[in-house]
Amino acid sequence: MSVPAPSAARLAQLAQLQCKVFGTIYNPTAARTGNKILRQRLLGPSMVQYNPKTLAHFRDLKALYPELNLIDVEEKKRLDEIAQRKRRGKGAPKKGQGKRASNKKK
């Protein structure tokens, strides 16, 4: 008493019913549908939350309260270092005076 093998049409019906029950896509030809991409979680909300929002920058506070004459210590230190480099001849060249400009003139 052997059980006969199910026909191809019956297997296709079974696959279609299975897809309906489990909420998947019935794709008997295995065509590319892009469904894999559509099922993925959206990146937008997680990307927005990746970088926390900054509360306030020093320049914003300085702009709000100009009468306080606030001094940004970090910026002053950076400008002083740039001035020292320029005095030693290590500063950035003026615009249009770099290495490439000197090669073009020859």
N, C-alpha and C. Protein backbone atom coordinates (compact mmCIF):
# COMPACT_ATOMS: atom_id res chain seq x y z
N MET A 1 0.82 -1.17 0.00
CA MET A 1 0.00 0.00 0.00
C MET A 1 0.87 1.25 0.00
N SER A 2 1.25 1.73 -1.10
CA SER A 2 2.06 2.93 -1.18
C SER A 2 1.17 4.14 -1.50
N VAL A 3 1.56 5.26 -1.00
CA VAL A 3 0.80 6.49 -1.20
C VAL A 3 1.30 7.13 -2.50
N PRO A 4 0.39 7.50 -3.39
CA PRO A 4 0.83 8.11 -4.64
C PRO A 4 1.44 9.51 -4.39
N ALA A 5 2.46 9.89 -5.17
CA ALA A 5 3.10 11.21 -5.04
C ALA A 5 2.12 12.29 -5.48
N PRO A 6 2.07 13.41 -4.76
CA PRO A 6 1.13 14.48 -5.15
C PRO A 6 1.56 15.11 -6.47
N SER A 7 0.59 15.57 -7.23
CA SER A 7 0.88 16.19 -8.53
C SER A 7 1.48 17.58 -8.33
N ALA A 8 2.09 18.09 -9.39
CA ALA A 8 2.71 19.42 -9.34
C ALA A 8 1.67 20.50 -9.09
N ALA A 9 0.50 20.36 -9.68
CA ALA A 9 -0.57 21.35 -9.48
C ALA A 9 -1.02 21.37 -8.02
N ARG A 10 -1.11 20.17 -7.43
CA ARG A 10 -1.53 20.08 -6.03
C ARG A 10 -0.48 20.70 -5.11
N LEU A 11 0.83 20.50 -5.42
CA LEU A 11 1.90 21.11 -4.63
C LEU A 11 1.87 22.64 -4.76
N ALA A 12 1.56 23.14 -5.96
CA ALA A 12 1.46 24.59 -6.16
C ALA A 12 0.30 25.16 -5.35
N GLN A 13 -0.83 24.44 -5.32
CA GLN A 13 -1.97 24.89 -4.51
C GLN A 13 -1.60 24.93 -3.03
N LEU A 14 -0.86 23.91 -2.61
CA LEU A 14 -0.43 23.84 -1.21
C LEU A 14 0.50 25.01 -0.87
N ALA A 15 1.42 25.32 -1.77
CA ALA A 15 2.34 26.44 -1.54
C ALA A 15 1.58 27.76 -1.48
N GLN A 16 0.57 27.89 -2.36
CA GLN A 16 -0.23 29.13 -2.38
C GLN A 16 -1.02 29.27 -1.08
N LEU A 17 -1.61 28.18 -0.62
CA LEU A 17 -2.35 28.20 0.63
C LEU A 17 -1.43 28.50 1.82
N GLN A 18 -0.25 27.92 1.78
CA GLN A 18 0.74 28.14 2.85
C GLN A 18 1.12 29.62 2.92
N CYS A 19 1.31 30.24 1.75
CA CYS A 19 1.66 31.67 1.72
C CYS A 19 0.51 32.51 2.26
N LYS A 20 -0.71 32.12 1.95
CA LYS A 20 -1.86 32.87 2.43
C LYS A 20 -1.97 32.77 3.95
N VAL A 21 -1.72 31.58 4.49
CA VAL A 21 -1.84 31.36 5.93
C VAL A 21 -0.76 32.10 6.69
N PHE A 22 0.49 32.03 6.21
CA PHE A 22 1.61 32.63 6.94
C PHE A 22 1.91 34.06 6.53
N GLY A 23 1.15 34.61 5.59
CA GLY A 23 1.30 36.01 5.22
C GLY A 23 2.56 36.30 4.44
N THR A 24 3.01 35.35 3.63
CA THR A 24 4.18 35.57 2.78
C THR A 24 3.71 35.75 1.34
N ILE A 25 4.65 36.05 0.45
CA ILE A 25 4.34 36.31 -0.94
C ILE A 25 4.44 35.01 -1.74
N TYR A 26 3.43 34.73 -2.53
CA TYR A 26 3.47 33.54 -3.40
C TYR A 26 4.18 33.93 -4.69
N ASN A 27 5.31 33.31 -4.94
CA ASN A 27 6.13 33.64 -6.10
C ASN A 27 6.63 32.33 -6.72
N PRO A 28 5.79 31.66 -7.51
CA PRO A 28 6.17 30.34 -8.04
C PRO A 28 7.28 30.40 -9.07
N THR A 29 7.47 31.54 -9.75
CA THR A 29 8.51 31.64 -10.78
C THR A 29 9.83 32.11 -10.21
N ALA A 30 9.88 32.43 -8.93
CA ALA A 30 11.09 32.92 -8.25
C ALA A 30 11.62 34.20 -8.91
N ALA A 31 10.70 35.06 -9.36
CA ALA A 31 11.09 36.34 -9.95
C ALA A 31 11.56 37.28 -8.86
N ARG A 32 12.47 38.17 -9.22
CA ARG A 32 12.97 39.14 -8.24
C ARG A 32 11.92 40.20 -8.00
N THR A 33 11.50 40.36 -6.75
CA THR A 33 10.41 41.30 -6.46
C THR A 33 10.85 42.47 -5.58
N GLY A 34 11.99 42.37 -4.94
CA GLY A 34 12.42 43.43 -4.03
C GLY A 34 11.75 43.34 -2.68
N ASN A 35 11.04 42.25 -2.44
CA ASN A 35 10.31 42.08 -1.19
C ASN A 35 11.24 42.00 0.01
N LYS A 36 12.44 41.47 -0.21
CA LYS A 36 13.43 41.36 0.87
C LYS A 36 13.77 42.75 1.42
N ILE A 37 13.92 43.70 0.53
CA ILE A 37 14.25 45.07 0.92
C ILE A 37 13.06 45.72 1.62
N LEU A 38 11.86 45.48 1.09
CA LEU A 38 10.67 46.11 1.66
C LEU A 38 10.34 45.59 3.05
N ARG A 39 10.75 44.35 3.35
CA ARG A 39 10.47 43.79 4.67
C ARG A 39 11.44 44.29 5.74
N GLN A 40 12.58 44.84 5.32
CA GLN A 40 13.57 45.29 6.30
C GLN A 40 13.04 46.47 7.12
N ARG A 41 13.60 46.60 8.32
CA ARG A 41 13.21 47.70 9.19
C ARG A 41 13.66 49.03 8.58
N LEU A 42 12.89 50.07 8.73
CA LEU A 42 13.26 51.37 8.18
C LEU A 42 14.44 51.95 8.94
N LEU A 43 15.35 52.59 8.21
CA LEU A 43 16.54 53.15 8.82
C LEU A 43 16.33 54.57 9.34
N GLY A 44 15.38 55.28 8.83
CA GLY A 44 15.19 56.68 9.16
C GLY A 44 15.16 57.01 10.63
N PRO A 45 14.27 56.41 11.43
CA PRO A 45 14.18 56.77 12.85
C PRO A 45 15.47 56.47 13.62
N SER A 46 16.10 55.35 13.33
CA SER A 46 17.32 55.02 14.08
C SER A 46 18.47 55.93 13.67
N MET A 47 18.51 56.36 12.40
CA MET A 47 19.58 57.26 11.97
C MET A 47 19.41 58.65 12.58
N VAL A 48 18.19 59.07 12.76
CA VAL A 48 17.93 60.38 13.36
C VAL A 48 18.39 60.38 14.82
N GLN A 49 18.19 59.27 15.51
CA GLN A 49 18.55 59.19 16.92
C GLN A 49 20.02 58.88 17.15
N TYR A 50 20.79 58.59 16.08
CA TYR A 50 22.18 58.19 16.23
C TYR A 50 23.03 59.31 16.85
N ASN A 51 22.92 60.50 16.30
CA ASN A 51 23.68 61.63 16.82
C ASN A 51 22.78 62.44 17.75
N PRO A 52 23.16 62.55 19.01
CA PRO A 52 22.33 63.34 19.92
C PRO A 52 22.37 64.83 19.56
N LYS A 53 21.28 65.51 19.83
CA LYS A 53 21.23 66.95 19.54
C LYS A 53 22.07 67.71 20.55
N THR A 54 22.83 68.69 20.06
CA THR A 54 23.62 69.50 20.97
C THR A 54 22.71 70.55 21.60
N LEU A 55 22.96 70.83 22.85
CA LEU A 55 22.10 71.77 23.55
C LEU A 55 22.34 73.20 23.08
N ALA A 56 23.58 73.65 23.16
CA ALA A 56 23.90 75.01 22.72
C ALA A 56 25.39 75.11 22.45
N HIS A 57 25.75 75.90 21.46
CA HIS A 57 27.15 76.18 21.17
C HIS A 57 27.52 77.50 21.83
N PHE A 58 28.81 77.68 22.03
CA PHE A 58 29.28 78.91 22.66
C PHE A 58 28.89 80.12 21.81
N ARG A 59 29.03 79.98 20.47
CA ARG A 59 28.72 81.13 19.61
C ARG A 59 27.25 81.52 19.71
N ASP A 60 26.36 80.54 20.01
CA ASP A 60 24.94 80.87 20.17
C ASP A 60 24.73 81.70 21.44
N LEU A 61 25.41 81.29 22.52
CA LEU A 61 25.30 82.06 23.77
C LEU A 61 25.88 83.47 23.60
N LYS A 62 27.00 83.55 22.88
CA LYS A 62 27.63 84.84 22.66
C LYS A 62 26.72 85.76 21.84
N ALA A 63 26.01 85.19 20.89
CA ALA A 63 25.09 85.98 20.07
C ALA A 63 23.87 86.41 20.88
N LEU A 64 23.42 85.57 21.81
CA LEU A 64 22.26 85.92 22.63
C LEU A 64 22.57 87.04 23.62
N TYR A 65 23.79 87.01 24.16
CA TYR A 65 24.18 87.99 25.19
C TYR A 65 25.45 88.73 24.78
N PRO A 66 25.36 89.64 23.80
CA PRO A 66 26.56 90.36 23.35
C PRO A 66 27.08 91.34 24.41
N GLU A 67 26.21 91.78 25.31
CA GLU A 67 26.64 92.76 26.32
C GLU A 67 27.59 92.16 27.35
N LEU A 68 27.66 90.83 27.44
CA LEU A 68 28.55 90.19 28.42
C LEU A 68 30.00 90.11 27.95
N ASN A 69 30.24 90.34 26.65
CA ASN A 69 31.59 90.27 26.07
C ASN A 69 32.28 88.94 26.42
N LEU A 70 31.60 87.86 26.16
CA LEU A 70 32.14 86.53 26.45
C LEU A 70 33.28 86.20 25.50
N ILE A 71 34.26 85.46 25.99
CA ILE A 71 35.43 85.08 25.19
C ILE A 71 35.48 83.56 25.12
N ASP A 72 35.53 83.02 23.92
CA ASP A 72 35.66 81.59 23.71
C ASP A 72 37.14 81.22 23.87
N VAL A 73 37.44 80.55 24.97
CA VAL A 73 38.84 80.23 25.29
C VAL A 73 39.42 79.28 24.24
N GLU A 74 38.64 78.30 23.81
CA GLU A 74 39.12 77.33 22.82
C GLU A 74 39.46 78.04 21.50
N GLU A 75 38.59 78.92 21.05
CA GLU A 75 38.81 79.63 19.80
C GLU A 75 40.00 80.57 19.91
N LYS A 76 40.15 81.24 21.04
CA LYS A 76 41.28 82.15 21.25
C LYS A 76 42.59 81.37 21.22
N LYS A 77 42.59 80.20 21.84
CA LYS A 77 43.78 79.36 21.86
C LYS A 77 44.14 78.90 20.44
N ARG A 78 43.13 78.54 19.67
CA ARG A 78 43.36 78.10 18.28
C ARG A 78 43.94 79.23 17.44
N LEU A 79 43.38 80.43 17.59
CA LEU A 79 43.88 81.57 16.82
C LEU A 79 45.30 81.94 17.23
N ASP A 80 45.61 81.82 18.53
CA ASP A 80 46.98 82.09 18.99
C ASP A 80 47.97 81.09 18.39
N GLU A 81 47.58 79.82 18.33
CA GLU A 81 48.47 78.81 17.73
C GLU A 81 48.71 79.08 16.25
N ILE A 82 47.66 79.49 15.55
CA ILE A 82 47.80 79.82 14.12
C ILE A 82 48.74 81.01 13.96
N ALA A 83 48.61 82.03 14.82
CA ALA A 83 49.48 83.21 14.74
C ALA A 83 50.93 82.82 15.01
N GLN A 84 51.16 81.95 15.99
CA GLN A 84 52.53 81.49 16.27
C GLN A 84 53.12 80.76 15.07
N ARG A 85 52.34 79.91 14.45
CA ARG A 85 52.83 79.17 13.28
C ARG A 85 53.19 80.13 12.15
N LYS A 86 52.35 81.13 11.93
CA LYS A 86 52.63 82.09 10.86
C LYS A 86 53.91 82.86 11.12
N ARG A 87 54.15 83.21 12.39
CA ARG A 87 55.39 83.93 12.73
C ARG A 87 56.62 83.07 12.45
N ARG A 88 56.48 81.74 12.64
CA ARG A 88 57.61 80.83 12.39
C ARG A 88 57.69 80.44 10.92
N GLY A 89 56.72 80.86 10.11
CA GLY A 89 56.72 80.52 8.70
C GLY A 89 56.10 79.17 8.41
N LYS A 90 55.34 78.64 9.35
CA LYS A 90 54.73 77.32 9.18
C LYS A 90 53.23 77.40 8.88
N GLY A 91 52.70 78.59 8.71
CA GLY A 91 51.27 78.75 8.49
C GLY A 91 50.85 78.36 7.09
N ALA A 92 49.56 78.31 6.88
CA ALA A 92 49.02 78.00 5.57
C ALA A 92 49.32 79.14 4.61
N PRO A 93 49.59 78.84 3.35
CA PRO A 93 49.86 79.90 2.39
C PRO A 93 48.60 80.69 2.07
N LYS A 94 48.79 81.90 1.54
CA LYS A 94 47.64 82.68 1.13
C LYS A 94 46.97 81.99 -0.06
N LYS A 95 45.74 82.35 -0.29
CA LYS A 95 44.98 81.72 -1.36
C LYS A 95 45.67 81.98 -2.70
N GLY A 96 45.91 80.90 -3.45
CA GLY A 96 46.56 81.02 -4.75
C GLY A 96 48.07 81.05 -4.67
N GLN A 97 48.66 80.84 -3.50
CA GLN A 97 50.11 80.90 -3.33
C GLN A 97 50.72 79.55 -2.95
N GLY A 98 49.98 78.46 -3.05
CA GLY A 98 50.45 77.15 -2.61
C GLY A 98 51.44 76.52 -3.58
N LYS A 99 51.75 75.23 -3.36
CA LYS A 99 52.70 74.50 -4.19
C LYS A 99 52.26 74.43 -5.64
N ARG A 100 51.01 74.15 -5.86
CA ARG A 100 50.52 73.99 -7.22
C ARG A 100 50.60 75.30 -8.00
N ALA A 101 50.41 76.42 -7.35
CA ALA A 101 50.45 77.71 -8.02
C ALA A 101 51.88 78.02 -8.47
N SER A 102 52.86 77.65 -7.65
CA SER A 102 54.25 77.93 -8.02
C SER A 102 54.71 77.06 -9.19
N ASN A 103 54.14 75.86 -9.34
CA ASN A 103 54.49 74.98 -10.46
C ASN A 103 53.90 75.47 -11.77
N LYS A 104 52.77 76.11 -11.74
CA LYS A 104 52.11 76.59 -12.96
C LYS A 104 52.84 77.77 -13.58
N LYS A 105 53.50 78.57 -12.76
CA LYS A 105 54.14 79.79 -13.27
C LYS A 105 55.38 79.47 -14.10
N LYS A 106 55.97 78.31 -13.90
CA LYS A 106 57.21 77.97 -14.61
C LYS A 106 56.99 77.56 -16.02
